[in-house]
Amino acid sequence: MLRTTSRSRYFLDIEPGLRNRLKAFAALKGKTMKEWLTEAIIAKLEDEIDAAEGLAALADTEGTKSLEAYLESRKHRGNQPE
């Protein structure tokens, strides 16, 4: 019976010095290199997604006002407590 898997395999060409550092660091964390790299990839993806969503939120100006309009509104309030 032929078994198929949904996982892909990737081979990385890593310099020996970097590989040794990676392997040692992963071992210190009680992980295999595969586990450590998988977690690192997921963290990087989450950071990239967060950055993209943050930039999209900055581009959304609905319901906002300019700095000039804000400062002008503060002038009209005078010394009234907020």
N, C-alpha and C. Protein backbone atom coordinates (compact mmCIF):
# COMPACT_ATOMS: atom_id res chain seq x y z
N MET A 1 0.85 -1.17 0.00
CA MET A 1 0.00 0.00 0.00
C MET A 1 0.90 1.24 0.00
N LEU A 2 0.62 2.15 -0.89
CA LEU A 2 1.37 3.39 -1.00
C LEU A 2 0.84 4.41 -0.01
N ARG A 3 1.76 4.95 0.77
CA ARG A 3 1.37 5.95 1.77
C ARG A 3 1.81 7.32 1.28
N THR A 4 0.89 8.27 1.30
CA THR A 4 1.26 9.64 0.93
C THR A 4 1.23 10.50 2.19
N THR A 5 2.01 11.54 2.15
CA THR A 5 2.07 12.44 3.29
C THR A 5 1.82 13.86 2.81
N SER A 6 1.26 14.67 3.65
CA SER A 6 0.96 16.05 3.27
C SER A 6 2.14 16.97 3.56
N ARG A 7 3.20 16.44 4.10
CA ARG A 7 4.37 17.25 4.44
C ARG A 7 5.36 17.27 3.29
N SER A 8 6.00 18.39 3.14
CA SER A 8 7.08 18.51 2.17
C SER A 8 8.40 18.52 2.92
N ARG A 9 9.42 18.05 2.26
CA ARG A 9 10.75 18.08 2.84
C ARG A 9 11.58 19.12 2.13
N TYR A 10 12.32 19.88 2.91
CA TYR A 10 13.21 20.89 2.36
C TYR A 10 14.60 20.67 2.92
N PHE A 11 15.57 20.85 2.08
CA PHE A 11 16.95 20.68 2.50
C PHE A 11 17.60 22.06 2.49
N LEU A 12 18.27 22.36 3.59
CA LEU A 12 18.93 23.65 3.73
C LEU A 12 20.43 23.48 3.61
N ASP A 13 21.04 24.36 2.88
CA ASP A 13 22.49 24.37 2.76
C ASP A 13 23.00 25.36 3.81
N ILE A 14 23.35 24.85 4.98
CA ILE A 14 23.77 25.68 6.11
C ILE A 14 25.26 25.49 6.34
N GLU A 15 25.95 26.59 6.51
CA GLU A 15 27.38 26.51 6.79
C GLU A 15 27.60 25.71 8.08
N PRO A 16 28.66 24.93 8.14
CA PRO A 16 28.90 24.06 9.31
C PRO A 16 28.91 24.82 10.64
N GLY A 17 29.52 26.01 10.67
CA GLY A 17 29.57 26.77 11.92
C GLY A 17 28.18 27.16 12.40
N LEU A 18 27.34 27.63 11.46
CA LEU A 18 25.97 28.01 11.81
C LEU A 18 25.17 26.78 12.22
N ARG A 19 25.35 25.68 11.51
CA ARG A 19 24.65 24.44 11.85
C ARG A 19 25.00 23.99 13.25
N ASN A 20 26.28 24.05 13.60
CA ASN A 20 26.70 23.64 14.94
C ASN A 20 26.10 24.54 16.02
N ARG A 21 26.08 25.83 15.75
CA ARG A 21 25.47 26.77 16.72
C ARG A 21 23.98 26.50 16.86
N LEU A 22 23.30 26.27 15.74
CA LEU A 22 21.88 25.97 15.75
C LEU A 22 21.59 24.70 16.52
N LYS A 23 22.36 23.66 16.24
CA LYS A 23 22.16 22.38 16.91
C LYS A 23 22.39 22.50 18.40
N ALA A 24 23.43 23.23 18.81
CA ALA A 24 23.73 23.41 20.23
C ALA A 24 22.63 24.21 20.91
N PHE A 25 22.19 25.29 20.27
CA PHE A 25 21.15 26.12 20.89
C PHE A 25 19.85 25.35 21.02
N ALA A 26 19.49 24.60 19.98
CA ALA A 26 18.26 23.80 20.04
C ALA A 26 18.37 22.77 21.18
N ALA A 27 19.52 22.14 21.31
CA ALA A 27 19.72 21.15 22.37
C ALA A 27 19.59 21.78 23.75
N LEU A 28 20.11 22.99 23.90
CA LEU A 28 19.98 23.68 25.19
C LEU A 28 18.52 23.94 25.54
N LYS A 29 17.69 24.09 24.54
CA LYS A 29 16.26 24.31 24.74
C LYS A 29 15.48 22.99 24.79
N GLY A 30 16.21 21.86 24.68
CA GLY A 30 15.55 20.56 24.72
C GLY A 30 14.78 20.24 23.47
N LYS A 31 15.21 20.79 22.34
CA LYS A 31 14.51 20.60 21.08
C LYS A 31 15.45 20.03 20.03
N THR A 32 14.87 19.45 19.02
CA THR A 32 15.66 19.05 17.87
C THR A 32 15.83 20.27 16.98
N MET A 33 16.75 20.18 16.02
CA MET A 33 16.92 21.28 15.07
C MET A 33 15.63 21.50 14.29
N LYS A 34 14.97 20.42 13.92
CA LYS A 34 13.71 20.53 13.18
C LYS A 34 12.67 21.29 13.99
N GLU A 35 12.52 20.93 15.27
CA GLU A 35 11.54 21.61 16.11
C GLU A 35 11.88 23.09 16.26
N TRP A 36 13.17 23.37 16.51
CA TRP A 36 13.59 24.75 16.72
C TRP A 36 13.38 25.57 15.45
N LEU A 37 13.76 25.02 14.28
CA LEU A 37 13.58 25.74 13.03
C LEU A 37 12.11 25.94 12.70
N THR A 38 11.29 24.94 12.97
CA THR A 38 9.85 25.08 12.72
C THR A 38 9.27 26.20 13.56
N GLU A 39 9.64 26.25 14.85
CA GLU A 39 9.16 27.34 15.71
C GLU A 39 9.66 28.69 15.23
N ALA A 40 10.90 28.75 14.78
CA ALA A 40 11.47 30.01 14.29
C ALA A 40 10.74 30.47 13.03
N ILE A 41 10.41 29.55 12.14
CA ILE A 41 9.69 29.90 10.91
C ILE A 41 8.30 30.41 11.25
N ILE A 42 7.61 29.74 12.17
CA ILE A 42 6.27 30.17 12.57
C ILE A 42 6.33 31.56 13.20
N ALA A 43 7.31 31.80 14.07
CA ALA A 43 7.45 33.11 14.70
C ALA A 43 7.70 34.20 13.66
N LYS A 44 8.55 33.91 12.69
CA LYS A 44 8.84 34.88 11.62
C LYS A 44 7.60 35.16 10.81
N LEU A 45 6.83 34.14 10.46
CA LEU A 45 5.59 34.33 9.71
C LEU A 45 4.61 35.19 10.50
N GLU A 46 4.46 34.92 11.80
CA GLU A 46 3.56 35.71 12.63
C GLU A 46 4.00 37.16 12.68
N ASP A 47 5.32 37.41 12.78
CA ASP A 47 5.83 38.78 12.79
C ASP A 47 5.51 39.49 11.47
N GLU A 48 5.71 38.79 10.36
CA GLU A 48 5.43 39.38 9.05
C GLU A 48 3.95 39.69 8.89
N ILE A 49 3.08 38.79 9.35
CA ILE A 49 1.64 39.01 9.28
C ILE A 49 1.25 40.20 10.15
N ASP A 50 1.79 40.27 11.37
CA ASP A 50 1.50 41.39 12.26
C ASP A 50 1.95 42.71 11.65
N ALA A 51 3.12 42.72 11.04
CA ALA A 51 3.63 43.94 10.41
C ALA A 51 2.73 44.38 9.26
N ALA A 52 2.31 43.43 8.44
CA ALA A 52 1.43 43.75 7.31
C ALA A 52 0.09 44.28 7.81
N GLU A 53 -0.47 43.66 8.85
CA GLU A 53 -1.74 44.13 9.40
C GLU A 53 -1.58 45.51 10.03
N GLY A 54 -0.45 45.75 10.67
CA GLY A 54 -0.20 47.05 11.26
C GLY A 54 -0.11 48.14 10.21
N LEU A 55 0.58 47.86 9.11
CA LEU A 55 0.67 48.83 8.03
C LEU A 55 -0.70 49.09 7.40
N ALA A 56 -1.49 48.04 7.27
CA ALA A 56 -2.84 48.21 6.72
C ALA A 56 -3.69 49.07 7.65
N ALA A 57 -3.54 48.87 8.96
CA ALA A 57 -4.29 49.67 9.92
C ALA A 57 -3.87 51.14 9.87
N LEU A 58 -2.58 51.38 9.67
CA LEU A 58 -2.11 52.76 9.56
C LEU A 58 -2.65 53.44 8.31
N ALA A 59 -2.87 52.67 7.26
CA ALA A 59 -3.39 53.23 6.02
C ALA A 59 -4.88 53.54 6.11
N ASP A 60 -5.57 52.93 7.07
CA ASP A 60 -7.00 53.16 7.25
C ASP A 60 -7.21 54.45 8.02
N THR A 61 -7.67 55.48 7.35
CA THR A 61 -7.83 56.79 7.99
C THR A 61 -9.26 57.10 8.36
N GLU A 62 -10.17 56.16 8.15
CA GLU A 62 -11.58 56.40 8.48
C GLU A 62 -11.73 56.66 9.98
N GLY A 63 -12.44 57.74 10.31
CA GLY A 63 -12.68 58.08 11.71
C GLY A 63 -11.52 58.77 12.39
N THR A 64 -10.53 59.19 11.62
CA THR A 64 -9.39 59.89 12.21
C THR A 64 -9.42 61.36 11.82
N LYS A 65 -8.59 62.15 12.50
CA LYS A 65 -8.46 63.55 12.12
C LYS A 65 -7.00 63.92 12.06
N SER A 66 -6.71 64.96 11.34
CA SER A 66 -5.33 65.38 11.16
C SER A 66 -4.79 65.97 12.47
N LEU A 67 -3.48 66.05 12.54
CA LEU A 67 -2.86 66.67 13.71
C LEU A 67 -3.32 68.11 13.87
N GLU A 68 -3.41 68.82 12.76
CA GLU A 68 -3.84 70.21 12.81
C GLU A 68 -5.26 70.33 13.37
N ALA A 69 -6.16 69.46 12.93
CA ALA A 69 -7.54 69.47 13.42
C ALA A 69 -7.58 69.13 14.91
N TYR A 70 -6.77 68.18 15.33
CA TYR A 70 -6.71 67.81 16.74
C TYR A 70 -6.22 68.98 17.59
N LEU A 71 -5.14 69.60 17.16
CA LEU A 71 -4.60 70.74 17.91
C LEU A 71 -5.59 71.89 17.97
N GLU A 72 -6.30 72.12 16.89
CA GLU A 72 -7.32 73.17 16.86
C GLU A 72 -8.44 72.85 17.85
N SER A 73 -8.84 71.58 17.92
CA SER A 73 -9.90 71.21 18.87
C SER A 73 -9.44 71.38 20.31
N ARG A 74 -8.15 71.20 20.56
CA ARG A 74 -7.61 71.40 21.92
C ARG A 74 -7.62 72.87 22.30
N LYS A 75 -7.41 73.75 21.33
CA LYS A 75 -7.44 75.19 21.61
C LYS A 75 -8.82 75.63 22.09
N HIS A 76 -9.86 75.07 21.48
CA HIS A 76 -11.23 75.46 21.82
C HIS A 76 -11.66 74.93 23.18
N ARG A 77 -10.99 73.94 23.67
CA ARG A 77 -11.33 73.39 24.99
C ARG A 77 -10.80 74.27 26.11
N GLY A 78 -9.75 75.02 25.82
CA GLY A 78 -9.17 75.88 26.84
C GLY A 78 -8.58 75.05 27.97
N ASN A 79 -8.87 75.44 29.17
CA ASN A 79 -8.36 74.73 30.35
C ASN A 79 -9.39 73.78 30.95
N GLN A 80 -10.38 73.40 30.18
CA GLN A 80 -11.40 72.49 30.68
C GLN A 80 -10.79 71.10 30.89
N PRO A 81 -11.15 70.44 32.00
CA PRO A 81 -10.64 69.07 32.22
C PRO A 81 -11.24 68.13 31.18
N GLU A 82 -10.48 67.14 30.84
CA GLU A 82 -10.95 66.15 29.85
C GLU A 82 -11.84 65.13 30.46
